[in-house]
Amino acid sequence: MAGIKIMVVDDDSNICELLHLYLMKENMETVIASDGAQALALFDTEKPDLILLDVMMPRLDGWQVCREIRKKSQCPIIMLTAKGEVFDKVLGLELGADDYVVKPFETKEVIARIKAVLRRSGVSDAKKQRIVEYDGLYINMENYELRVGGKVIDTPPKEMELIYHLASNPNRVYTRDQLLDEVWGFEYYGDSRTVDVHVKRLREKLDGVSDRWTLKTVWGVGYKFDVRDN
């Protein structure tokens, strides 16, 4: 489910890391917040498609975060908590949560619930086409089609996945290691120069198509799909 962004809000770093790894295997992007206040701040800037929200946290608890988010957004929320009492489940649902998972949980169950909530909310329908378009550039990951200047360009799968990943997150800088993790998969143990080779090949295909965007090197950091406002 590429293009889906999940915010995980939990003060337990081990749970956050575990969920991050499983979500990455599902091609979902992860944003981590360690407390409620940070979650509210990140919500406005990151604009996640769904929130996994722990109840018992410092600063602001999950109930407070859920209440604040519901004042401005219908973003799907799944509550994560060690509490299993009926009262807590009812309270979460009354505050606007879409689902409820009790700790300790099976990670695969959480992933299944995320997919179910995304389907019910319509988010997955909107994202599942996996099409990105810019001036002179068309990327369709449903059939792995790349069009440059209106012409279909024969492109290997990993190059398609790399340009789609970058173009789906315009102006965001990725390190080579991040791209290896998120495009090749965290179990890939290849050389980071693999990314450089794929970027070079993509540039040969994309060079001179438009002055509104470019596949840019950020020296000392990595790469980004740079999009200009005009």
Protein backbone atom coordinates (compact mmCIF):
# COMPACT_ATOMS: atom_id res chain seq x y z
CA MET A 1 0.00 0.00 0.00
CA ALA A 2 2.55 2.51 -1.17
CA GLY A 3 1.77 6.15 -0.52
CA ILE A 4 0.05 5.41 2.80
CA LYS A 5 1.50 7.24 5.80
CA ILE A 6 0.89 5.88 9.32
CA MET A 7 1.64 7.85 12.49
CA VAL A 8 2.60 5.61 15.43
CA VAL A 9 2.16 7.36 18.79
CA ASP A 10 3.62 5.43 21.73
CA ASP A 11 6.18 6.16 24.46
CA ASP A 12 7.53 2.59 24.15
CA SER A 13 10.33 2.80 21.58
CA ASN A 14 10.40 -1.00 21.13
CA ILE A 15 6.74 -1.05 20.06
CA CYS A 16 7.35 1.87 17.70
CA GLU A 17 10.30 0.15 16.06
CA LEU A 18 8.46 -3.16 15.70
CA LEU A 19 5.45 -1.49 14.08
CA HIS A 20 7.75 0.55 11.84
CA LEU A 21 9.42 -2.60 10.50
CA TYR A 22 6.13 -4.36 9.81
CA LEU A 23 4.56 -1.28 8.20
CA MET A 24 7.63 -0.82 6.01
CA LYS A 25 7.25 -4.40 4.77
CA GLU A 26 3.74 -3.36 3.68
CA ASN A 27 5.26 -0.38 1.82
CA MET A 28 3.70 2.08 4.25
CA GLU A 29 5.58 5.14 5.46
CA THR A 30 5.87 5.61 9.23
CA VAL A 31 5.99 8.73 11.37
CA ILE A 32 6.88 8.20 15.06
CA ALA A 33 5.73 10.34 17.99
CA SER A 34 6.77 9.48 21.55
CA ASP A 35 4.08 11.48 23.37
CA GLY A 36 0.76 13.19 22.79
CA ALA A 37 2.09 16.72 22.42
CA GLN A 38 4.56 15.64 19.75
CA ALA A 39 1.78 13.74 17.98
CA LEU A 40 -0.38 16.85 17.68
CA ALA A 41 2.54 18.89 16.35
CA LEU A 42 3.50 16.24 13.79
CA PHE A 43 -0.09 15.68 12.72
CA ASP A 44 -0.31 19.14 11.17
CA THR A 45 2.99 18.86 9.29
CA GLU A 46 3.02 15.17 8.30
CA LYS A 47 -0.71 14.75 7.46
CA PRO A 48 -0.86 10.98 8.11
CA ASP A 49 -3.51 8.74 6.56
CA LEU A 50 -4.07 6.84 9.84
CA ILE A 51 -2.94 7.10 13.48
CA LEU A 52 -2.02 4.24 15.83
CA LEU A 53 -2.53 5.96 19.18
CA ASP A 54 -1.46 4.67 22.59
CA VAL A 55 -3.67 5.73 25.50
CA MET A 56 -1.26 5.93 28.45
CA MET A 57 1.41 8.49 27.56
CA PRO A 58 3.20 11.44 29.20
CA ARG A 59 2.20 15.09 28.64
CA LEU A 60 -1.05 14.35 26.78
CA ASP A 61 -2.76 10.96 26.90
CA GLY A 62 -4.39 9.24 23.96
CA TRP A 63 -7.90 10.38 24.89
CA GLN A 64 -6.81 14.02 24.80
CA VAL A 65 -4.98 13.58 21.50
CA CYS A 66 -7.97 11.84 19.93
CA ARG A 67 -10.28 14.62 21.14
CA GLU A 68 -8.03 17.36 19.72
CA ILE A 69 -7.60 15.66 16.34
CA ARG A 70 -11.34 15.10 16.01
CA LYS A 71 -11.89 18.84 16.34
CA LYS A 72 -10.20 19.36 12.96
CA SER A 73 -9.91 16.05 11.12
CA GLN A 74 -11.58 12.72 10.43
CA CYS A 75 -8.22 10.96 10.02
CA PRO A 76 -8.73 7.29 11.02
CA ILE A 77 -7.52 6.48 14.55
CA ILE A 78 -6.81 3.07 16.08
CA MET A 79 -6.26 3.14 19.84
CA LEU A 80 -3.44 1.02 21.32
CA THR A 81 -3.65 0.36 25.03
CA ALA A 82 -3.00 -2.14 27.79
CA LYS A 83 -6.45 -1.44 29.14
CA GLY A 84 -9.12 -3.87 28.03
CA GLU A 85 -12.15 -2.77 30.03
CA VAL A 86 -15.40 -2.20 28.15
CA PHE A 87 -15.56 1.37 29.51
CA ASP A 88 -12.23 2.29 27.87
CA LYS A 89 -13.28 0.81 24.55
CA VAL A 90 -16.58 2.67 24.61
CA LEU A 91 -14.86 5.93 25.58
CA GLY A 92 -12.41 5.63 22.71
CA LEU A 93 -15.18 4.99 20.21
CA GLU A 94 -17.28 7.82 21.60
CA LEU A 95 -14.34 10.19 21.21
CA GLY A 96 -14.13 9.23 17.55
CA ALA A 97 -11.65 6.35 17.40
CA ASP A 98 -12.24 3.93 14.53
CA ASP A 99 -10.90 0.78 16.18
CA TYR A 100 -9.28 -0.48 19.36
CA VAL A 101 -6.38 -2.93 19.91
CA VAL A 102 -5.43 -4.21 23.38
CA LYS A 103 -1.78 -4.82 24.32
CA PRO A 104 -0.02 -7.19 24.10
CA PHE A 105 -1.06 -7.57 20.46
CA GLU A 106 -0.04 -9.61 17.44
CA THR A 107 1.58 -7.24 14.96
CA LYS A 108 -0.06 -9.02 12.04
CA GLU A 109 -3.44 -8.34 13.61
CA VAL A 110 -2.63 -4.63 13.87
CA ILE A 111 -1.64 -4.57 10.18
CA ALA A 112 -4.91 -6.32 9.26
CA ARG A 113 -6.91 -3.80 11.30
CA ILE A 114 -5.06 -0.90 9.65
CA LYS A 115 -5.95 -2.21 6.20
CA ALA A 116 -9.57 -2.76 7.24
CA VAL A 117 -9.93 0.76 8.66
CA LEU A 118 -8.28 2.28 5.59
CA ARG A 119 -10.73 0.41 3.36
CA ARG A 120 -13.72 1.53 5.43
CA SER A 121 -12.55 5.14 5.44
CA GLY A 122 -11.93 5.17 1.69
CA VAL A 123 -8.27 6.12 2.08
CA SER A 124 -6.98 2.96 0.42
CA ASP A 125 -9.32 3.44 -2.55
CA ALA A 126 -7.95 6.92 -3.12
CA LYS A 127 -4.33 5.80 -2.85
CA LYS A 128 -4.45 2.36 -4.44
CA GLN A 129 -4.22 3.65 -8.01
CA ARG A 130 -0.60 4.57 -7.23
CA ILE A 131 -0.36 7.15 -9.98
CA VAL A 132 1.86 10.23 -9.77
CA GLU A 133 1.85 13.00 -12.38
CA TYR A 134 3.96 16.10 -12.87
CA ASP A 135 4.69 18.30 -15.85
CA GLY A 136 5.83 15.90 -18.58
CA LEU A 137 6.03 12.95 -16.16
CA TYR A 138 3.51 10.15 -15.59
CA ILE A 139 4.20 7.23 -13.21
CA ASN A 140 1.68 4.39 -12.91
CA MET A 141 2.69 1.66 -10.47
CA GLU A 142 -0.38 -0.46 -11.22
CA ASN A 143 1.12 -1.44 -14.56
CA TYR A 144 4.69 -0.15 -13.98
CA GLU A 145 4.37 2.40 -16.79
CA LEU A 146 6.63 5.44 -17.04
CA ARG A 147 5.80 8.17 -19.54
CA VAL A 148 8.26 10.99 -20.13
CA GLY A 149 7.13 13.83 -22.39
CA GLY A 150 4.17 11.71 -23.45
CA LYS A 151 6.32 8.75 -24.51
CA VAL A 152 6.33 5.40 -22.75
CA ILE A 153 9.85 4.63 -21.51
CA ASP A 154 10.90 1.06 -20.86
CA THR A 155 12.05 1.08 -17.23
CA PRO A 156 13.21 -1.74 -14.91
CA PRO A 157 11.02 -2.38 -11.83
CA LYS A 158 13.44 -1.03 -9.21
CA GLU A 159 13.94 2.20 -11.14
CA MET A 160 10.15 2.56 -11.30
CA GLU A 161 9.81 1.95 -7.58
CA LEU A 162 12.58 4.44 -6.81
CA ILE A 163 11.19 7.30 -8.90
CA TYR A 164 7.68 6.61 -7.64
CA HIS A 165 8.85 6.68 -4.02
CA LEU A 166 10.70 9.96 -4.49
CA ALA A 167 7.99 11.62 -6.60
CA SER A 168 5.29 10.55 -4.12
CA ASN A 169 7.12 12.54 -1.45
CA PRO A 170 8.17 15.73 -3.27
CA ASN A 171 10.92 17.90 -1.73
CA ARG A 172 11.64 15.33 0.97
CA VAL A 173 15.33 14.44 1.26
CA TYR A 174 16.21 10.74 1.59
CA THR A 175 19.58 9.31 2.51
CA ARG A 176 20.87 6.38 0.49
CA ASP A 177 20.29 4.07 3.46
CA GLN A 178 16.69 5.25 3.79
CA LEU A 179 16.07 4.53 0.12
CA LEU A 180 17.63 1.09 0.45
CA ASP A 181 15.33 0.41 3.41
CA GLU A 182 12.15 1.81 1.89
CA VAL A 183 12.53 0.81 -1.77
CA TRP A 184 14.71 -2.30 -1.67
CA GLY A 185 13.49 -3.45 1.75
CA PHE A 186 15.14 -3.46 5.17
CA GLU A 187 16.43 -7.00 4.61
CA TYR A 188 18.52 -5.83 1.64
CA TYR A 189 22.23 -5.87 2.43
CA GLY A 190 23.62 -4.41 -0.79
CA ASP A 191 25.94 -1.46 -1.28
CA SER A 192 24.44 2.03 -1.02
CA ARG A 193 26.06 2.80 -4.38
CA THR A 194 23.21 0.76 -5.84
CA VAL A 195 21.04 3.84 -5.26
CA ASP A 196 23.50 6.06 -7.14
CA VAL A 197 23.44 3.75 -10.15
CA HIS A 198 19.65 3.73 -10.31
CA VAL A 199 19.46 7.52 -9.91
CA LYS A 200 21.96 7.97 -12.75
CA ARG A 201 19.89 5.75 -15.05
CA LEU A 202 16.70 7.60 -14.14
CA ARG A 203 18.31 10.96 -14.87
CA GLU A 204 19.24 9.74 -18.35
CA LYS A 205 15.54 9.09 -18.94
CA LEU A 206 14.23 12.28 -17.30
CA ASP A 207 16.84 14.83 -18.33
CA GLY A 208 15.46 18.05 -19.87
CA VAL A 209 11.79 17.09 -19.67
CA SER A 210 10.67 19.94 -17.41
CA ASP A 211 12.06 22.89 -15.48
CA ARG A 212 9.38 22.50 -12.81
CA TRP A 213 10.91 19.42 -11.20
CA THR A 214 14.19 17.55 -11.06
CA LEU A 215 15.79 14.52 -9.44
CA LYS A 216 18.22 16.41 -7.25
CA THR A 217 21.34 15.41 -5.32
CA VAL A 218 21.55 16.92 -1.84
CA TRP A 219 25.30 16.83 -1.27
CA GLY A 220 26.37 14.99 1.85
CA VAL A 221 22.86 13.68 2.45
CA GLY A 222 21.17 11.91 -0.47
CA TYR A 223 18.45 12.62 -3.02
CA LYS A 224 15.08 14.29 -3.39
CA PHE A 225 12.45 14.89 -6.05
CA ASP A 226 12.65 18.66 -6.16
CA VAL A 227 9.44 20.42 -7.22
CA ARG A 228 9.31 24.15 -7.89
CA ASP A 229 6.23 26.27 -7.26
CA ASN A 230 6.46 28.06 -10.61
